[in-house]
Amino acid sequence: MVLMEWGLLVASFARSASKLTPAQLQNAAIERQRAAARKQATSLGLWMQPGSPVPAPIAAAASAPEQPACDPIAASAVTPLIENAARAQNLDTKVIRAVMEQESALRPCAISARGAEGLMQLMPETAGQLGVRDAFDPKESVEAGAKYLRQLLDKYKGDMARALGAYNAGPAAVDQAGGVPPIPETKDYVDAIMKKLGLTQTAPPNSQTPKPTGN
């Protein structure tokens, strides 16, 4: 009897889902991803109520592995977001996509060990400065990430390597190093994206290894 009732419930859900439009199904998936992300963030001690002060990530979170609890966003959903953000910020769509792939592997609920969130992996403080309300909202994340990339490219006069280094480790680290910081994670990050874009970079000057402050 229980199995029969369960079967009827599943069948009813399937009939309801079949009536939804692709956009509604995508929105429903995003809502599930946000819920999973909030659960993950809570377990890491990183989740905050909207409007609350931004706390520093707890020590346990710094060593916690990244375990995105959602699937990559569909290409049909993310491509228009990338194209719109690229037009708004005068960026090549390939740049935004390459950064997104490197940052979150297209997972909207991704949270880094340092607390960066969403598709474009913005730190809470940076997201707040960019006016982001929900870091796990794909549209907000892509728009804010593209805006931040434009700000960094303008700051470094179009130097893509430095802009990417700042996106990963923070502008302070790039300014201190006078180029891409000699941080293994950041160097690998910049090299990977530059390779995707078919670009090369010059070796950074010798300097003390700065402490990364980005995502």
N, C-alpha and C. Protein backbone atom coordinates (compact mmCIF):
# COMPACT_ATOMS: atom_id res chain seq x y z
N MET A 1 0.83 -1.20 0.00
CA MET A 1 0.00 0.00 0.00
C MET A 1 0.86 1.26 0.00
N VAL A 2 1.91 1.24 0.84
CA VAL A 2 2.81 2.39 0.90
C VAL A 2 3.52 2.59 -0.42
N LEU A 3 3.96 1.47 -1.03
CA LEU A 3 4.66 1.56 -2.31
C LEU A 3 3.74 2.11 -3.39
N MET A 4 2.46 1.70 -3.34
CA MET A 4 1.51 2.18 -4.33
C MET A 4 1.30 3.68 -4.18
N GLU A 5 1.15 4.16 -2.93
CA GLU A 5 0.97 5.59 -2.70
C GLU A 5 2.18 6.39 -3.15
N TRP A 6 3.37 5.83 -2.90
CA TRP A 6 4.60 6.50 -3.32
C TRP A 6 4.67 6.59 -4.84
N GLY A 7 4.26 5.50 -5.50
CA GLY A 7 4.28 5.49 -6.96
C GLY A 7 3.34 6.53 -7.51
N LEU A 8 2.15 6.66 -6.90
CA LEU A 8 1.20 7.67 -7.35
C LEU A 8 1.73 9.08 -7.14
N LEU A 9 2.45 9.29 -6.03
CA LEU A 9 3.03 10.60 -5.73
C LEU A 9 4.09 10.97 -6.76
N VAL A 10 4.96 10.00 -7.10
CA VAL A 10 6.00 10.24 -8.10
C VAL A 10 5.38 10.54 -9.45
N ALA A 11 4.35 9.77 -9.81
CA ALA A 11 3.70 9.98 -11.09
C ALA A 11 3.06 11.36 -11.15
N SER A 12 2.44 11.78 -10.04
CA SER A 12 1.82 13.10 -10.00
C SER A 12 2.85 14.19 -10.16
N PHE A 13 4.01 14.03 -9.49
CA PHE A 13 5.08 15.02 -9.60
C PHE A 13 5.61 15.10 -11.03
N ALA A 14 5.74 13.94 -11.67
CA ALA A 14 6.25 13.90 -13.04
C ALA A 14 5.30 14.62 -13.98
N ARG A 15 3.97 14.41 -13.77
CA ARG A 15 3.00 15.10 -14.63
C ARG A 15 3.06 16.60 -14.44
N SER A 16 3.25 17.04 -13.18
CA SER A 16 3.34 18.48 -12.90
C SER A 16 4.58 19.07 -13.53
N ALA A 17 5.72 18.36 -13.41
CA ALA A 17 6.99 18.86 -13.96
C ALA A 17 6.92 18.97 -15.47
N SER A 18 6.18 18.02 -16.11
CA SER A 18 6.11 18.03 -17.57
C SER A 18 5.39 19.26 -18.10
N LYS A 19 4.59 19.93 -17.24
CA LYS A 19 3.85 21.11 -17.65
C LYS A 19 4.65 22.40 -17.51
N LEU A 20 5.81 22.31 -16.86
CA LEU A 20 6.63 23.49 -16.65
C LEU A 20 7.41 23.82 -17.91
N THR A 21 7.66 25.12 -18.12
CA THR A 21 8.48 25.56 -19.24
C THR A 21 9.94 25.32 -18.92
N PRO A 22 10.83 25.30 -19.92
CA PRO A 22 12.27 25.13 -19.64
C PRO A 22 12.80 26.18 -18.67
N ALA A 23 12.31 27.42 -18.80
CA ALA A 23 12.77 28.48 -17.90
C ALA A 23 12.36 28.19 -16.47
N GLN A 24 11.11 27.70 -16.29
CA GLN A 24 10.64 27.38 -14.95
C GLN A 24 11.42 26.22 -14.35
N LEU A 25 11.72 25.23 -15.18
CA LEU A 25 12.52 24.10 -14.70
C LEU A 25 13.91 24.56 -14.29
N GLN A 26 14.50 25.49 -15.08
CA GLN A 26 15.83 26.00 -14.75
C GLN A 26 15.80 26.77 -13.44
N ASN A 27 14.74 27.60 -13.26
CA ASN A 27 14.61 28.37 -12.02
C ASN A 27 14.45 27.45 -10.82
N ALA A 28 13.67 26.38 -11.01
CA ALA A 28 13.48 25.42 -9.93
C ALA A 28 14.80 24.76 -9.57
N ALA A 29 15.60 24.44 -10.60
CA ALA A 29 16.91 23.82 -10.34
C ALA A 29 17.82 24.78 -9.61
N ILE A 30 17.78 26.05 -9.99
CA ILE A 30 18.62 27.05 -9.33
C ILE A 30 18.23 27.19 -7.86
N GLU A 31 16.91 27.16 -7.58
CA GLU A 31 16.45 27.26 -6.19
C GLU A 31 16.95 26.09 -5.38
N ARG A 32 16.94 24.89 -5.98
CA ARG A 32 17.47 23.72 -5.27
C ARG A 32 18.96 23.89 -5.02
N GLN A 33 19.66 24.47 -6.01
CA GLN A 33 21.10 24.67 -5.86
C GLN A 33 21.40 25.68 -4.76
N ARG A 34 20.58 26.74 -4.70
CA ARG A 34 20.79 27.74 -3.64
C ARG A 34 20.60 27.11 -2.26
N ALA A 35 19.56 26.27 -2.14
CA ALA A 35 19.31 25.62 -0.87
C ALA A 35 20.48 24.72 -0.49
N ALA A 36 21.02 24.01 -1.48
CA ALA A 36 22.17 23.14 -1.21
C ALA A 36 23.39 23.96 -0.83
N ALA A 37 23.55 25.12 -1.50
CA ALA A 37 24.69 25.98 -1.20
C ALA A 37 24.60 26.54 0.21
N ARG A 38 23.38 26.96 0.60
CA ARG A 38 23.21 27.50 1.94
C ARG A 38 23.51 26.44 3.00
N LYS A 39 23.09 25.21 2.71
CA LYS A 39 23.36 24.11 3.65
C LYS A 39 24.85 23.88 3.77
N GLN A 40 25.54 23.91 2.61
CA GLN A 40 26.99 23.73 2.61
C GLN A 40 27.68 24.87 3.34
N ALA A 41 27.23 26.10 3.07
CA ALA A 41 27.85 27.26 3.71
C ALA A 41 27.64 27.23 5.21
N THR A 42 26.46 26.79 5.62
CA THR A 42 26.18 26.69 7.06
C THR A 42 27.11 25.69 7.72
N SER A 43 27.35 24.57 7.04
CA SER A 43 28.23 23.55 7.60
C SER A 43 29.66 24.04 7.71
N LEU A 44 30.04 25.01 6.84
CA LEU A 44 31.38 25.57 6.88
C LEU A 44 31.48 26.79 7.79
N GLY A 45 30.34 27.22 8.32
CA GLY A 45 30.33 28.39 9.18
C GLY A 45 30.43 29.68 8.41
N LEU A 46 30.02 29.67 7.12
CA LEU A 46 30.18 30.85 6.27
C LEU A 46 28.86 31.54 5.96
N TRP A 47 27.71 30.88 6.27
CA TRP A 47 26.44 31.46 5.87
C TRP A 47 26.03 32.59 6.80
N MET A 48 25.49 33.65 6.22
CA MET A 48 25.05 34.81 7.00
C MET A 48 23.63 35.15 6.61
N GLN A 49 22.87 35.71 7.52
CA GLN A 49 21.57 36.23 7.18
C GLN A 49 21.75 37.51 6.38
N PRO A 50 20.87 37.79 5.40
CA PRO A 50 21.00 39.02 4.61
C PRO A 50 21.05 40.25 5.50
N GLY A 51 22.02 41.13 5.23
CA GLY A 51 22.14 42.37 5.98
C GLY A 51 23.03 42.26 7.20
N SER A 52 23.47 41.05 7.53
CA SER A 52 24.31 40.89 8.71
C SER A 52 25.75 41.23 8.37
N PRO A 53 26.58 41.60 9.36
CA PRO A 53 27.97 41.92 9.10
C PRO A 53 28.70 40.74 8.48
N VAL A 54 29.67 41.01 7.62
CA VAL A 54 30.43 39.94 6.98
C VAL A 54 31.52 39.46 7.92
N PRO A 55 31.44 38.22 8.41
CA PRO A 55 32.47 37.72 9.31
C PRO A 55 33.65 37.17 8.54
N ALA A 56 34.79 37.09 9.19
CA ALA A 56 35.95 36.44 8.57
C ALA A 56 35.69 34.95 8.57
N PRO A 57 36.09 34.23 7.50
CA PRO A 57 35.88 32.79 7.48
C PRO A 57 36.54 32.14 8.68
N ILE A 58 35.87 31.19 9.28
CA ILE A 58 36.42 30.52 10.45
C ILE A 58 37.60 29.66 10.03
N ALA A 59 38.44 29.32 11.01
CA ALA A 59 39.67 28.60 10.70
C ALA A 59 39.37 27.26 10.05
N ALA A 60 38.32 26.58 10.48
CA ALA A 60 38.01 25.27 9.91
C ALA A 60 37.70 25.37 8.43
N ALA A 61 37.06 26.47 8.03
CA ALA A 61 36.68 26.62 6.62
C ALA A 61 37.90 26.81 5.74
N ALA A 62 38.96 27.38 6.28
CA ALA A 62 40.15 27.65 5.47
C ALA A 62 40.77 26.36 4.96
N SER A 63 40.61 25.28 5.71
CA SER A 63 41.20 24.02 5.30
C SER A 63 40.16 23.05 4.75
N ALA A 64 38.90 23.48 4.68
CA ALA A 64 37.84 22.60 4.21
C ALA A 64 37.91 22.46 2.70
N PRO A 65 37.71 21.25 2.17
CA PRO A 65 37.75 21.06 0.71
C PRO A 65 36.51 21.64 0.08
N GLU A 66 36.65 22.02 -1.21
CA GLU A 66 35.51 22.53 -1.94
C GLU A 66 34.67 21.34 -2.38
N GLN A 67 33.38 21.34 -2.06
CA GLN A 67 32.49 20.25 -2.43
C GLN A 67 31.17 20.83 -2.94
N PRO A 68 31.18 21.36 -4.18
CA PRO A 68 29.95 21.94 -4.71
C PRO A 68 28.82 20.93 -4.67
N ALA A 69 27.67 21.34 -4.12
CA ALA A 69 26.54 20.44 -3.97
C ALA A 69 25.50 20.66 -5.05
N CYS A 70 25.93 20.98 -6.25
CA CYS A 70 24.99 21.20 -7.33
C CYS A 70 25.65 20.88 -8.66
N ASP A 71 24.81 20.74 -9.67
CA ASP A 71 25.30 20.44 -11.01
C ASP A 71 25.72 21.74 -11.72
N PRO A 72 26.59 21.63 -12.73
CA PRO A 72 26.93 22.81 -13.53
C PRO A 72 25.68 23.38 -14.18
N ILE A 73 25.64 24.69 -14.32
CA ILE A 73 24.50 25.34 -14.94
C ILE A 73 24.47 25.01 -16.43
N ALA A 74 23.29 24.88 -16.98
CA ALA A 74 23.15 24.52 -18.39
C ALA A 74 23.69 25.61 -19.29
N ALA A 75 24.31 25.18 -20.41
CA ALA A 75 24.87 26.15 -21.35
C ALA A 75 23.79 27.09 -21.88
N SER A 76 22.58 26.56 -22.08
CA SER A 76 21.50 27.39 -22.61
C SER A 76 21.10 28.49 -21.64
N ALA A 77 21.37 28.28 -20.35
CA ALA A 77 21.02 29.29 -19.35
C ALA A 77 22.15 30.27 -19.12
N VAL A 78 23.40 29.79 -19.14
CA VAL A 78 24.51 30.66 -18.79
C VAL A 78 25.01 31.49 -19.97
N THR A 79 24.88 30.98 -21.19
CA THR A 79 25.40 31.71 -22.35
C THR A 79 24.79 33.10 -22.51
N PRO A 80 23.46 33.25 -22.41
CA PRO A 80 22.88 34.60 -22.51
C PRO A 80 23.37 35.53 -21.40
N LEU A 81 23.60 34.99 -20.20
CA LEU A 81 24.10 35.80 -19.10
C LEU A 81 25.50 36.32 -19.42
N ILE A 82 26.33 35.45 -19.96
CA ILE A 82 27.69 35.83 -20.32
C ILE A 82 27.67 36.88 -21.43
N GLU A 83 26.84 36.67 -22.44
CA GLU A 83 26.79 37.60 -23.57
C GLU A 83 26.31 38.98 -23.12
N ASN A 84 25.29 39.02 -22.28
CA ASN A 84 24.78 40.31 -21.79
C ASN A 84 25.81 41.04 -20.94
N ALA A 85 26.49 40.30 -20.06
CA ALA A 85 27.51 40.91 -19.21
C ALA A 85 28.69 41.39 -20.03
N ALA A 86 29.05 40.63 -21.05
CA ALA A 86 30.17 41.02 -21.92
C ALA A 86 29.87 42.32 -22.65
N ARG A 87 28.64 42.46 -23.14
CA ARG A 87 28.26 43.70 -23.82
C ARG A 87 28.26 44.87 -22.85
N ALA A 88 27.75 44.65 -21.66
CA ALA A 88 27.65 45.73 -20.68
C ALA A 88 29.01 46.23 -20.24
N GLN A 89 29.99 45.33 -20.18
CA GLN A 89 31.32 45.70 -19.67
C GLN A 89 32.39 45.76 -20.76
N ASN A 90 31.97 45.64 -22.03
CA ASN A 90 32.91 45.68 -23.15
C ASN A 90 34.03 44.65 -22.96
N LEU A 91 33.62 43.40 -22.72
CA LEU A 91 34.56 42.30 -22.53
C LEU A 91 34.29 41.23 -23.58
N ASP A 92 35.30 40.44 -23.86
CA ASP A 92 35.14 39.28 -24.72
C ASP A 92 34.41 38.20 -23.91
N THR A 93 33.42 37.58 -24.52
CA THR A 93 32.70 36.52 -23.81
C THR A 93 33.63 35.39 -23.37
N LYS A 94 34.70 35.18 -24.15
CA LYS A 94 35.64 34.10 -23.82
C LYS A 94 36.33 34.36 -22.48
N VAL A 95 36.56 35.62 -22.16
CA VAL A 95 37.21 35.96 -20.90
C VAL A 95 36.32 35.60 -19.72
N ILE A 96 35.05 36.01 -19.79
CA ILE A 96 34.12 35.72 -18.70
C ILE A 96 33.94 34.22 -18.54
N ARG A 97 33.76 33.52 -19.64
CA ARG A 97 33.55 32.08 -19.58
C ARG A 97 34.78 31.36 -19.02
N ALA A 98 35.97 31.78 -19.45
CA ALA A 98 37.19 31.12 -18.97
C ALA A 98 37.37 31.32 -17.48
N VAL A 99 37.09 32.53 -17.00
CA VAL A 99 37.19 32.79 -15.56
C VAL A 99 36.16 31.96 -14.80
N MET A 100 34.95 31.92 -15.31
CA MET A 100 33.89 31.16 -14.65
C MET A 100 34.24 29.67 -14.58
N GLU A 101 34.74 29.14 -15.67
CA GLU A 101 35.10 27.71 -15.70
C GLU A 101 36.20 27.42 -14.69
N GLN A 102 37.17 28.32 -14.61
CA GLN A 102 38.28 28.12 -13.69
C GLN A 102 37.85 28.30 -12.25
N GLU A 103 36.95 29.25 -12.01
CA GLU A 103 36.52 29.58 -10.66
C GLU A 103 35.57 28.55 -10.06
N SER A 104 34.53 28.20 -10.81
CA SER A 104 33.46 27.38 -10.22
C SER A 104 33.10 26.14 -11.02
N ALA A 105 33.74 25.94 -12.16
CA ALA A 105 33.37 24.84 -13.05
C ALA A 105 31.88 24.92 -13.40
N LEU A 106 31.38 26.17 -13.49
CA LEU A 106 29.99 26.47 -13.86
C LEU A 106 28.98 25.98 -12.83
N ARG A 107 29.39 25.85 -11.58
CA ARG A 107 28.48 25.42 -10.51
C ARG A 107 28.01 26.65 -9.73
N PRO A 108 26.72 26.98 -9.82
CA PRO A 108 26.20 28.20 -9.17
C PRO A 108 26.33 28.21 -7.67
N CYS A 109 26.40 27.03 -7.03
CA CYS A 109 26.44 27.00 -5.57
C CYS A 109 27.85 26.84 -5.01
N ALA A 110 28.87 26.94 -5.86
CA ALA A 110 30.24 26.70 -5.41
C ALA A 110 30.66 27.68 -4.31
N ILE A 111 31.37 27.15 -3.32
CA ILE A 111 31.93 27.97 -2.24
C ILE A 111 33.38 27.54 -2.05
N SER A 112 34.31 28.49 -2.12
CA SER A 112 35.72 28.14 -1.98
C SER A 112 36.09 28.01 -0.51
N ALA A 113 37.28 27.49 -0.27
CA ALA A 113 37.75 27.32 1.11
C ALA A 113 37.87 28.64 1.83
N ARG A 114 38.06 29.75 1.09
CA ARG A 114 38.16 31.07 1.72
C ARG A 114 36.82 31.78 1.81
N GLY A 115 35.77 31.17 1.25
CA GLY A 115 34.45 31.77 1.36
C GLY A 115 33.94 32.47 0.12
N ALA A 116 34.66 32.40 -1.00
CA ALA A 116 34.16 32.99 -2.25
C ALA A 116 32.96 32.19 -2.72
N GLU A 117 31.99 32.89 -3.33
CA GLU A 117 30.71 32.25 -3.61
C GLU A 117 30.24 32.42 -5.05
N GLY A 118 29.50 31.43 -5.52
CA GLY A 118 28.79 31.55 -6.78
C GLY A 118 29.60 31.23 -8.02
N LEU A 119 28.99 31.45 -9.17
CA LEU A 119 29.62 31.14 -10.45
C LEU A 119 30.96 31.84 -10.63
N MET A 120 31.00 33.13 -10.26
CA MET A 120 32.22 33.91 -10.45
C MET A 120 33.07 34.00 -9.19
N GLN A 121 32.67 33.26 -8.14
CA GLN A 121 33.47 33.14 -6.92
C GLN A 121 33.92 34.48 -6.35
N LEU A 122 32.96 35.32 -6.04
CA LEU A 122 33.26 36.62 -5.44
C LEU A 122 33.30 36.49 -3.93
N MET A 123 34.29 37.12 -3.31
CA MET A 123 34.33 37.17 -1.87
C MET A 123 33.17 38.04 -1.38
N PRO A 124 32.60 37.73 -0.20
CA PRO A 124 31.45 38.50 0.29
C PRO A 124 31.68 40.01 0.30
N GLU A 125 32.87 40.45 0.71
CA GLU A 125 33.14 41.89 0.77
C GLU A 125 33.11 42.50 -0.63
N THR A 126 33.74 41.81 -1.60
CA THR A 126 33.75 42.30 -2.98
C THR A 126 32.34 42.30 -3.55
N ALA A 127 31.60 41.22 -3.29
CA ALA A 127 30.23 41.13 -3.78
C ALA A 127 29.38 42.27 -3.23
N GLY A 128 29.58 42.60 -1.95
CA GLY A 128 28.84 43.69 -1.34
C GLY A 128 29.16 45.02 -1.99
N GLN A 129 30.44 45.25 -2.31
CA GLN A 129 30.84 46.49 -2.95
C GLN A 129 30.25 46.61 -4.36
N LEU A 130 29.99 45.46 -4.98
CA LEU A 130 29.44 45.45 -6.33
C LEU A 130 27.91 45.42 -6.32
N GLY A 131 27.32 45.49 -5.15
CA GLY A 131 25.87 45.55 -5.04
C GLY A 131 25.16 44.21 -5.20
N VAL A 132 25.88 43.12 -4.98
CA VAL A 132 25.27 41.80 -5.12
C VAL A 132 24.40 41.49 -3.90
N ARG A 133 23.17 41.08 -4.15
CA ARG A 133 22.26 40.70 -3.06
C ARG A 133 22.34 39.21 -2.78
N ASP A 134 22.43 38.41 -3.84
CA ASP A 134 22.48 36.96 -3.70
C ASP A 134 23.62 36.43 -4.56
N ALA A 135 24.71 36.05 -3.92
CA ALA A 135 25.90 35.60 -4.64
C ALA A 135 25.65 34.31 -5.41
N PHE A 136 24.60 33.57 -5.03
CA PHE A 136 24.31 32.31 -5.70
C PHE A 136 23.34 32.48 -6.86
N ASP A 137 22.89 33.70 -7.10
CA ASP A 137 22.05 33.96 -8.25
C ASP A 137 22.94 34.08 -9.49
N PRO A 138 22.78 33.21 -10.49
CA PRO A 138 23.67 33.22 -11.65
C PRO A 138 23.77 34.57 -12.34
N LYS A 139 22.64 35.23 -12.53
CA LYS A 139 22.64 36.52 -13.23
C LYS A 139 23.44 37.55 -12.44
N GLU A 140 23.19 37.66 -11.15
CA GLU A 140 23.92 38.62 -10.33
C GLU A 140 25.40 38.31 -10.30
N SER A 141 25.74 37.03 -10.19
CA SER A 141 27.14 36.64 -10.10
C SER A 141 27.90 36.97 -11.38
N VAL A 142 27.29 36.64 -12.51
CA VAL A 142 27.96 36.89 -13.80
C VAL A 142 28.11 38.39 -14.04
N GLU A 143 27.06 39.16 -13.77
CA GLU A 143 27.13 40.61 -13.98
C GLU A 143 28.19 41.24 -13.08
N ALA A 144 28.21 40.84 -11.81
CA ALA A 144 29.17 41.42 -10.88
C ALA A 144 30.59 40.98 -11.20
N GLY A 145 30.75 39.70 -11.54
CA GLY A 145 32.08 39.21 -11.89
C GLY A 145 32.65 39.92 -13.10
N ALA A 146 31.79 40.13 -14.11
CA ALA A 146 32.23 40.84 -15.32
C ALA A 146 32.59 42.29 -14.99
N LYS A 147 31.79 42.91 -14.14
CA LYS A 147 32.06 44.30 -13.74
C LYS A 147 33.39 44.38 -13.00
N TYR A 148 33.66 43.42 -12.14
CA TYR A 148 34.91 43.42 -11.39
C TYR A 148 36.10 43.19 -12.32
N LEU A 149 35.94 42.31 -13.29
CA LEU A 149 37.00 42.08 -14.27
C LEU A 149 37.29 43.37 -15.05
N ARG A 150 36.25 44.09 -15.44
CA ARG A 150 36.44 45.35 -16.16
C ARG A 150 37.18 46.36 -15.30
N GLN A 151 36.82 46.44 -14.01
CA GLN A 151 37.51 47.36 -13.10
C GLN A 151 38.99 47.01 -13.00
N LEU A 152 39.29 45.72 -12.92
CA LEU A 152 40.68 45.30 -12.79
C LEU A 152 41.46 45.54 -14.09
N LEU A 153 40.84 45.28 -15.23
CA LEU A 153 41.51 45.53 -16.50
C LEU A 153 41.77 47.02 -16.69
N ASP A 154 40.85 47.85 -16.26
CA ASP A 154 41.06 49.30 -16.33
C ASP A 154 42.19 49.71 -15.39
N LYS A 155 42.20 49.15 -14.20
CA LYS A 155 43.23 49.48 -13.21
C LYS A 155 44.62 49.14 -13.73
N TYR A 156 44.73 47.98 -14.40
CA TYR A 156 46.04 47.52 -14.88
C TYR A 156 46.22 47.78 -16.38
N LYS A 157 45.44 48.74 -16.89
CA LYS A 157 45.62 49.24 -18.26
C LYS A 157 45.60 48.11 -19.30
N GLY A 158 44.65 47.20 -19.14
CA GLY A 158 44.46 46.14 -20.12
C GLY A 158 45.37 44.94 -19.95
N ASP A 159 46.21 44.93 -18.92
CA ASP A 159 47.11 43.80 -18.68
C ASP A 159 46.28 42.64 -18.13
N MET A 160 45.98 41.67 -19.00
CA MET A 160 45.10 40.58 -18.62
C MET A 160 45.70 39.73 -17.50
N ALA A 161 47.00 39.47 -17.55
CA ALA A 161 47.63 38.63 -16.54
C ALA A 161 47.50 39.26 -15.15
N ARG A 162 47.77 40.56 -15.06
CA ARG A 162 47.66 41.23 -13.77
C ARG A 162 46.21 41.28 -13.29
N ALA A 163 45.30 41.52 -14.22
CA ALA A 163 43.89 41.56 -13.84
C ALA A 163 43.43 40.21 -13.30
N LEU A 164 43.84 39.14 -13.95
CA LEU A 164 43.48 37.80 -13.49
C LEU A 164 44.15 37.49 -12.15
N GLY A 165 45.39 37.92 -12.01
CA GLY A 165 46.08 37.71 -10.75
C GLY A 165 45.38 38.42 -9.61
N ALA A 166 44.88 39.62 -9.90
CA ALA A 166 44.15 40.38 -8.88
C ALA A 166 42.80 39.76 -8.59
N TYR A 167 42.17 39.21 -9.60
CA TYR A 167 40.87 38.55 -9.40
C TYR A 167 41.04 37.37 -8.45
N ASN A 168 42.16 36.67 -8.56
CA ASN A 168 42.39 35.50 -7.74
C ASN A 168 42.97 35.81 -6.37
N ALA A 169 44.00 36.65 -6.34
CA ALA A 169 44.73 36.89 -5.08
C ALA A 169 44.44 38.24 -4.45
N GLY A 170 43.77 39.12 -5.18
CA GLY A 170 43.48 40.45 -4.66
C GLY A 170 44.42 41.49 -5.25
N PRO A 171 43.94 42.69 -5.52
CA PRO A 171 44.78 43.75 -6.08
C PRO A 171 46.00 44.07 -5.23
N ALA A 172 45.86 43.99 -3.91
CA ALA A 172 46.99 44.32 -3.04
C ALA A 172 48.17 43.41 -3.29
N ALA A 173 47.90 42.12 -3.54
CA ALA A 173 48.97 41.17 -3.81
C ALA A 173 49.67 41.48 -5.13
N VAL A 174 48.89 41.87 -6.13
CA VAL A 174 49.46 42.22 -7.43
C VAL A 174 50.29 43.49 -7.33
N ASP A 175 49.78 44.48 -6.62
CA ASP A 175 50.51 45.74 -6.46
C ASP A 175 51.80 45.52 -5.71
N GLN A 176 51.77 44.66 -4.69
CA GLN A 176 52.98 44.38 -3.92
C GLN A 176 54.03 43.68 -4.75
N ALA A 177 53.57 42.74 -5.61
CA ALA A 177 54.51 41.97 -6.43
C ALA A 177 54.95 42.73 -7.68
N GLY A 178 54.17 43.73 -8.08
CA GLY A 178 54.48 44.43 -9.31
C GLY A 178 54.14 43.60 -10.54
N GLY A 179 53.25 42.66 -10.38
CA GLY A 179 52.85 41.75 -11.46
C GLY A 179 52.07 40.60 -10.87
N VAL A 180 51.98 39.51 -11.60
CA VAL A 180 51.29 38.33 -11.07
C VAL A 180 52.04 37.85 -9.83
N PRO A 181 51.39 37.75 -8.70
CA PRO A 181 52.08 37.35 -7.46
C PRO A 181 52.69 35.96 -7.58
N PRO A 182 53.86 35.75 -7.00
CA PRO A 182 54.51 34.43 -7.04
C PRO A 182 53.86 33.46 -6.06
N ILE A 183 52.57 33.33 -6.14
CA ILE A 183 51.81 32.39 -5.33
C ILE A 183 51.47 31.22 -6.25
N PRO A 184 51.88 30.01 -5.93
CA PRO A 184 51.64 28.87 -6.83
C PRO A 184 50.21 28.77 -7.33
N GLU A 185 49.24 28.89 -6.42
CA GLU A 185 47.83 28.79 -6.81
C GLU A 185 47.47 29.87 -7.82
N THR A 186 47.94 31.10 -7.57
CA THR A 186 47.60 32.22 -8.46
C THR A 186 48.28 32.07 -9.81
N LYS A 187 49.55 31.67 -9.79
CA LYS A 187 50.27 31.48 -11.06
C LYS A 187 49.60 30.41 -11.91
N ASP A 188 49.21 29.30 -11.28
CA ASP A 188 48.52 28.23 -12.02
C ASP A 188 47.19 28.72 -12.56
N TYR A 189 46.51 29.51 -11.75
CA TYR A 189 45.20 30.06 -12.12
C TYR A 189 45.34 30.96 -13.35
N VAL A 190 46.28 31.88 -13.30
CA VAL A 190 46.50 32.82 -14.40
C VAL A 190 46.95 32.07 -15.65
N ASP A 191 47.89 31.14 -15.49
CA ASP A 191 48.40 30.38 -16.64
C ASP A 191 47.28 29.60 -17.32
N ALA A 192 46.42 28.99 -16.52
CA ALA A 192 45.34 28.17 -17.08
C ALA A 192 44.37 29.01 -17.91
N ILE A 193 44.01 30.18 -17.39
CA ILE A 193 43.06 31.03 -18.11
C ILE A 193 43.71 31.66 -19.33
N MET A 194 44.95 32.11 -19.18
CA MET A 194 45.67 32.70 -20.31
C MET A 194 45.81 31.69 -21.44
N LYS A 195 46.04 30.44 -21.09
CA LYS A 195 46.17 29.38 -22.10
C LYS A 195 44.85 29.19 -22.83
N LYS A 196 43.73 29.22 -22.09
CA LYS A 196 42.42 29.09 -22.72
C LYS A 196 42.16 30.23 -23.70
N LEU A 197 42.68 31.41 -23.35
CA LEU A 197 42.46 32.60 -24.17
C LEU A 197 43.49 32.74 -25.28
N GLY A 198 44.48 31.85 -25.28
CA GLY A 198 45.52 31.91 -26.30
C GLY A 198 46.47 33.07 -26.10
N LEU A 199 46.67 33.49 -24.85
CA LEU A 199 47.54 34.62 -24.53
C LEU A 199 48.79 34.14 -23.79
N THR A 200 49.81 34.98 -23.79
CA THR A 200 51.03 34.69 -23.05
C THR A 200 51.30 35.83 -22.10
N GLN A 201 52.15 35.59 -21.13
CA GLN A 201 52.48 36.63 -20.16
C GLN A 201 53.98 36.60 -19.90
N THR A 202 54.51 37.75 -19.48
CA THR A 202 55.91 37.83 -19.12
C THR A 202 56.08 37.38 -17.69
N ALA A 203 57.26 36.91 -17.33
CA ALA A 203 57.51 36.44 -15.97
C ALA A 203 57.43 37.61 -15.00
N PRO A 204 56.83 37.41 -13.84
CA PRO A 204 56.72 38.49 -12.85
C PRO A 204 58.08 38.80 -12.24
N PRO A 205 58.28 40.02 -11.75
CA PRO A 205 59.55 40.39 -11.14
C PRO A 205 59.77 39.63 -9.85
N ASN A 206 61.04 39.51 -9.46
CA ASN A 206 61.34 38.85 -8.19
C ASN A 206 60.80 39.71 -7.05
N SER A 207 60.13 39.07 -6.12
CA SER A 207 59.59 39.80 -4.98
C SER A 207 59.23 38.81 -3.90
N GLN A 208 58.96 39.32 -2.71
CA GLN A 208 58.54 38.47 -1.65
C GLN A 208 57.16 37.95 -1.94
N THR A 209 56.88 36.72 -1.53
CA THR A 209 55.59 36.12 -1.77
C THR A 209 54.54 36.80 -0.89
N PRO A 210 53.57 37.51 -1.48
CA PRO A 210 52.53 38.16 -0.67
C PRO A 210 51.48 37.15 -0.25
N LYS A 211 50.74 37.48 0.76
CA LYS A 211 49.66 36.63 1.22
C LYS A 211 48.42 36.89 0.39
N PRO A 212 47.83 35.82 -0.21
CA PRO A 212 46.65 36.04 -1.05
C PRO A 212 45.47 36.54 -0.23
N THR A 213 44.71 37.46 -0.82
CA THR A 213 43.55 38.01 -0.13
C THR A 213 42.27 37.79 -0.92
N GLY A 214 42.41 37.22 -2.12
CA GLY A 214 41.24 37.02 -2.97
C GLY A 214 40.56 35.70 -2.69
N ASN A 215 39.98 35.10 -3.76
CA ASN A 215 39.19 33.90 -3.56
C ASN A 215 39.99 32.65 -3.76
